[in-house]
Amino acid sequence: MRVCELTGKRVNVANNVSHANNKTKKRQNPNIQSKRIFLPEEGRYVRLSLSTRAIRSLNRMTLKDYCKKLGVDYDALLKSHTR
């Protein structure tokens, strides 16, 4: 499933509405990209599935600061990505 590991953004279900007002369900997928993030305090990279909104935010702040802002447990996130 397409889910951002930081923001929790996931698939949304919406309606296609025709000119005759017929409604059919459609899925709206988030723009999820696989991204390598460098962790300077550990000197290594970690690969995360992130929404493009999260990638833009990470360009302005560190992963640790962004996790704190979102209320995500930074240590648990890194532990799940340890080899």
N, C-alpha and C. Protein backbone atom coordinates (compact mmCIF):
# COMPACT_ATOMS: atom_id res chain seq x y z
N MET A 1 0.84 -1.17 0.00
CA MET A 1 0.00 0.00 0.00
C MET A 1 0.89 1.24 0.00
N ARG A 2 0.40 2.30 -0.59
CA ARG A 2 1.17 3.53 -0.68
C ARG A 2 0.89 4.39 0.55
N VAL A 3 1.87 4.42 1.46
CA VAL A 3 1.72 5.21 2.69
C VAL A 3 3.03 5.93 2.96
N CYS A 4 2.96 7.22 3.27
CA CYS A 4 4.14 7.98 3.67
C CYS A 4 4.53 7.55 5.08
N GLU A 5 5.81 7.21 5.28
CA GLU A 5 6.26 6.72 6.57
C GLU A 5 6.32 7.80 7.64
N LEU A 6 6.35 9.06 7.25
CA LEU A 6 6.40 10.14 8.23
C LEU A 6 5.03 10.77 8.47
N THR A 7 4.37 11.19 7.41
CA THR A 7 3.11 11.92 7.57
C THR A 7 1.91 11.00 7.67
N GLY A 8 2.04 9.74 7.23
CA GLY A 8 0.90 8.82 7.26
C GLY A 8 -0.08 9.04 6.14
N LYS A 9 0.30 9.86 5.15
CA LYS A 9 -0.57 10.11 4.01
C LYS A 9 -0.82 8.79 3.28
N ARG A 10 -2.09 8.52 2.94
CA ARG A 10 -2.43 7.27 2.27
C ARG A 10 -3.48 7.50 1.19
N VAL A 11 -3.95 6.41 0.58
CA VAL A 11 -4.92 6.48 -0.51
C VAL A 11 -6.22 7.12 -0.02
N ASN A 12 -6.78 7.99 -0.86
CA ASN A 12 -8.07 8.62 -0.59
C ASN A 12 -9.08 8.10 -1.61
N VAL A 13 -10.34 7.93 -1.18
CA VAL A 13 -11.39 7.49 -2.09
C VAL A 13 -12.31 8.68 -2.34
N ALA A 14 -12.58 8.93 -3.63
CA ALA A 14 -13.42 10.07 -4.00
C ALA A 14 -14.39 9.63 -5.10
N ASN A 15 -15.22 10.53 -5.54
CA ASN A 15 -16.19 10.25 -6.60
C ASN A 15 -15.78 10.91 -7.90
N ASN A 16 -15.88 10.15 -9.01
CA ASN A 16 -15.89 10.75 -10.34
C ASN A 16 -17.33 11.19 -10.59
N VAL A 17 -17.54 12.41 -11.00
CA VAL A 17 -18.89 12.90 -11.25
C VAL A 17 -19.00 13.28 -12.71
N SER A 18 -19.91 12.60 -13.43
CA SER A 18 -20.10 12.88 -14.84
C SER A 18 -21.01 14.09 -15.02
N HIS A 19 -21.16 14.51 -16.27
CA HIS A 19 -22.04 15.65 -16.58
C HIS A 19 -23.48 15.32 -16.20
N ALA A 20 -23.86 14.04 -16.30
CA ALA A 20 -25.21 13.60 -15.94
C ALA A 20 -25.32 13.33 -14.43
N ASN A 21 -24.29 13.70 -13.68
CA ASN A 21 -24.24 13.56 -12.22
C ASN A 21 -24.22 12.10 -11.76
N ASN A 22 -23.71 11.19 -12.63
CA ASN A 22 -23.48 9.81 -12.21
C ASN A 22 -22.18 9.78 -11.42
N LYS A 23 -22.19 9.05 -10.32
CA LYS A 23 -21.00 9.02 -9.46
C LYS A 23 -20.41 7.61 -9.44
N THR A 24 -19.11 7.52 -9.66
CA THR A 24 -18.39 6.26 -9.52
C THR A 24 -17.17 6.52 -8.65
N LYS A 25 -16.79 5.51 -7.89
CA LYS A 25 -15.67 5.66 -6.96
C LYS A 25 -14.34 5.65 -7.72
N LYS A 26 -13.41 6.44 -7.23
CA LYS A 26 -12.05 6.43 -7.77
C LYS A 26 -11.07 6.55 -6.61
N ARG A 27 -9.86 6.06 -6.83
CA ARG A 27 -8.81 6.14 -5.82
C ARG A 27 -7.87 7.27 -6.18
N GLN A 28 -7.50 8.05 -5.17
CA GLN A 28 -6.51 9.12 -5.35
C GLN A 28 -5.27 8.71 -4.58
N ASN A 29 -4.23 8.32 -5.31
CA ASN A 29 -3.00 7.86 -4.68
C ASN A 29 -2.11 9.04 -4.32
N PRO A 30 -1.47 8.99 -3.14
CA PRO A 30 -0.51 10.04 -2.80
C PRO A 30 0.76 9.85 -3.63
N ASN A 31 1.48 10.93 -3.83
CA ASN A 31 2.72 10.87 -4.59
C ASN A 31 3.83 10.41 -3.65
N ILE A 32 4.06 9.09 -3.59
CA ILE A 32 5.04 8.50 -2.69
C ILE A 32 6.31 8.18 -3.47
N GLN A 33 7.44 8.64 -2.97
CA GLN A 33 8.73 8.41 -3.59
C GLN A 33 9.66 7.75 -2.57
N SER A 34 10.53 6.87 -3.05
CA SER A 34 11.54 6.27 -2.19
C SER A 34 12.74 7.22 -2.16
N LYS A 35 13.16 7.61 -0.97
CA LYS A 35 14.19 8.65 -0.84
C LYS A 35 15.23 8.23 0.19
N ARG A 36 16.50 8.45 -0.15
CA ARG A 36 17.59 8.22 0.80
C ARG A 36 17.84 9.50 1.57
N ILE A 37 17.76 9.41 2.90
CA ILE A 37 17.97 10.56 3.77
C ILE A 37 19.25 10.32 4.55
N PHE A 38 20.15 11.31 4.55
CA PHE A 38 21.41 11.19 5.29
C PHE A 38 21.19 11.61 6.74
N LEU A 39 21.70 10.79 7.66
CA LEU A 39 21.63 11.07 9.09
C LEU A 39 23.02 11.47 9.56
N PRO A 40 23.28 12.78 9.71
CA PRO A 40 24.64 13.22 10.06
C PRO A 40 25.11 12.74 11.43
N GLU A 41 24.19 12.60 12.40
CA GLU A 41 24.61 12.17 13.73
C GLU A 41 25.03 10.70 13.76
N GLU A 42 24.56 9.90 12.78
CA GLU A 42 24.95 8.50 12.70
C GLU A 42 25.91 8.23 11.55
N GLY A 43 26.04 9.18 10.64
CA GLY A 43 26.94 9.02 9.51
C GLY A 43 26.50 7.97 8.52
N ARG A 44 25.20 7.79 8.35
CA ARG A 44 24.69 6.79 7.41
C ARG A 44 23.41 7.30 6.75
N TYR A 45 23.01 6.57 5.71
CA TYR A 45 21.78 6.87 4.99
C TYR A 45 20.68 5.91 5.44
N VAL A 46 19.44 6.36 5.34
CA VAL A 46 18.29 5.51 5.57
C VAL A 46 17.31 5.76 4.42
N ARG A 47 16.71 4.68 3.89
CA ARG A 47 15.78 4.81 2.77
C ARG A 47 14.35 4.79 3.31
N LEU A 48 13.58 5.83 2.96
CA LEU A 48 12.20 5.97 3.43
C LEU A 48 11.26 6.17 2.25
N SER A 49 10.02 5.70 2.40
CA SER A 49 8.97 6.00 1.44
C SER A 49 8.25 7.25 1.92
N LEU A 50 8.43 8.34 1.18
CA LEU A 50 7.94 9.64 1.64
C LEU A 50 7.04 10.28 0.60
N SER A 51 6.07 11.05 1.07
CA SER A 51 5.27 11.86 0.16
C SER A 51 6.14 13.04 -0.29
N THR A 52 5.80 13.62 -1.43
CA THR A 52 6.58 14.74 -1.93
C THR A 52 6.47 15.95 -0.99
N ARG A 53 5.36 16.07 -0.28
CA ARG A 53 5.21 17.14 0.73
C ARG A 53 6.25 16.95 1.84
N ALA A 54 6.46 15.71 2.28
CA ALA A 54 7.44 15.43 3.33
C ALA A 54 8.86 15.67 2.82
N ILE A 55 9.13 15.34 1.55
CA ILE A 55 10.46 15.56 0.98
C ILE A 55 10.76 17.06 0.94
N ARG A 56 9.78 17.87 0.56
CA ARG A 56 9.98 19.32 0.53
C ARG A 56 10.24 19.87 1.93
N SER A 57 9.56 19.33 2.92
CA SER A 57 9.79 19.76 4.30
C SER A 57 11.18 19.36 4.78
N LEU A 58 11.64 18.17 4.37
CA LEU A 58 12.96 17.70 4.79
C LEU A 58 14.08 18.48 4.11
N ASN A 59 13.78 19.17 3.02
CA ASN A 59 14.78 20.05 2.41
C ASN A 59 15.05 21.27 3.28
N ARG A 60 14.08 21.62 4.15
CA ARG A 60 14.21 22.79 5.01
C ARG A 60 14.66 22.46 6.42
N MET A 61 14.43 21.22 6.88
CA MET A 61 14.80 20.87 8.25
C MET A 61 15.32 19.44 8.30
N THR A 62 15.92 19.07 9.41
CA THR A 62 16.48 17.72 9.54
C THR A 62 15.36 16.72 9.81
N LEU A 63 15.68 15.45 9.61
CA LEU A 63 14.71 14.39 9.85
C LEU A 63 14.28 14.37 11.32
N LYS A 64 15.23 14.58 12.21
CA LYS A 64 14.92 14.57 13.65
C LYS A 64 13.95 15.70 14.01
N ASP A 65 14.19 16.90 13.48
CA ASP A 65 13.31 18.04 13.74
C ASP A 65 11.91 17.82 13.15
N TYR A 66 11.86 17.25 11.95
CA TYR A 66 10.58 17.02 11.30
C TYR A 66 9.77 15.96 12.04
N CYS A 67 10.44 14.92 12.52
CA CYS A 67 9.75 13.90 13.32
C CYS A 67 9.18 14.51 14.59
N LYS A 68 9.95 15.40 15.21
CA LYS A 68 9.48 16.06 16.43
C LYS A 68 8.25 16.92 16.13
N LYS A 69 8.27 17.63 15.01
CA LYS A 69 7.15 18.48 14.63
C LYS A 69 5.88 17.66 14.38
N LEU A 70 6.05 16.46 13.76
CA LEU A 70 4.90 15.62 13.44
C LEU A 70 4.46 14.74 14.60
N GLY A 71 5.31 14.62 15.63
CA GLY A 71 4.99 13.73 16.74
C GLY A 71 5.30 12.28 16.45
N VAL A 72 6.25 12.03 15.53
CA VAL A 72 6.66 10.67 15.18
C VAL A 72 7.86 10.30 16.03
N ASP A 73 7.89 9.04 16.51
CA ASP A 73 9.01 8.57 17.33
C ASP A 73 10.22 8.34 16.42
N TYR A 74 11.21 9.21 16.53
CA TYR A 74 12.41 9.19 15.68
C TYR A 74 13.19 7.89 15.86
N ASP A 75 13.40 7.47 17.12
CA ASP A 75 14.18 6.26 17.39
C ASP A 75 13.49 5.01 16.86
N ALA A 76 12.17 4.92 17.00
CA ALA A 76 11.43 3.77 16.49
C ALA A 76 11.48 3.73 14.96
N LEU A 77 11.44 4.90 14.34
CA LEU A 77 11.51 4.97 12.88
C LEU A 77 12.85 4.44 12.38
N LEU A 78 13.94 4.85 13.06
CA LEU A 78 15.26 4.38 12.65
C LEU A 78 15.46 2.91 12.96
N LYS A 79 14.89 2.44 14.07
CA LYS A 79 15.03 1.03 14.44
C LYS A 79 14.37 0.13 13.40
N SER A 80 13.26 0.58 12.82
CA SER A 80 12.57 -0.22 11.81
C SER A 80 13.34 -0.24 10.48
N HIS A 81 14.34 0.64 10.33
CA HIS A 81 15.13 0.68 9.10
C HIS A 81 16.58 0.29 9.33
N THR A 82 16.84 -0.48 10.38
CA THR A 82 18.20 -0.95 10.65
C THR A 82 18.40 -2.27 9.93
N ARG A 83 19.58 -2.40 9.34
CA ARG A 83 19.86 -3.64 8.61
C ARG A 83 20.38 -4.70 9.53
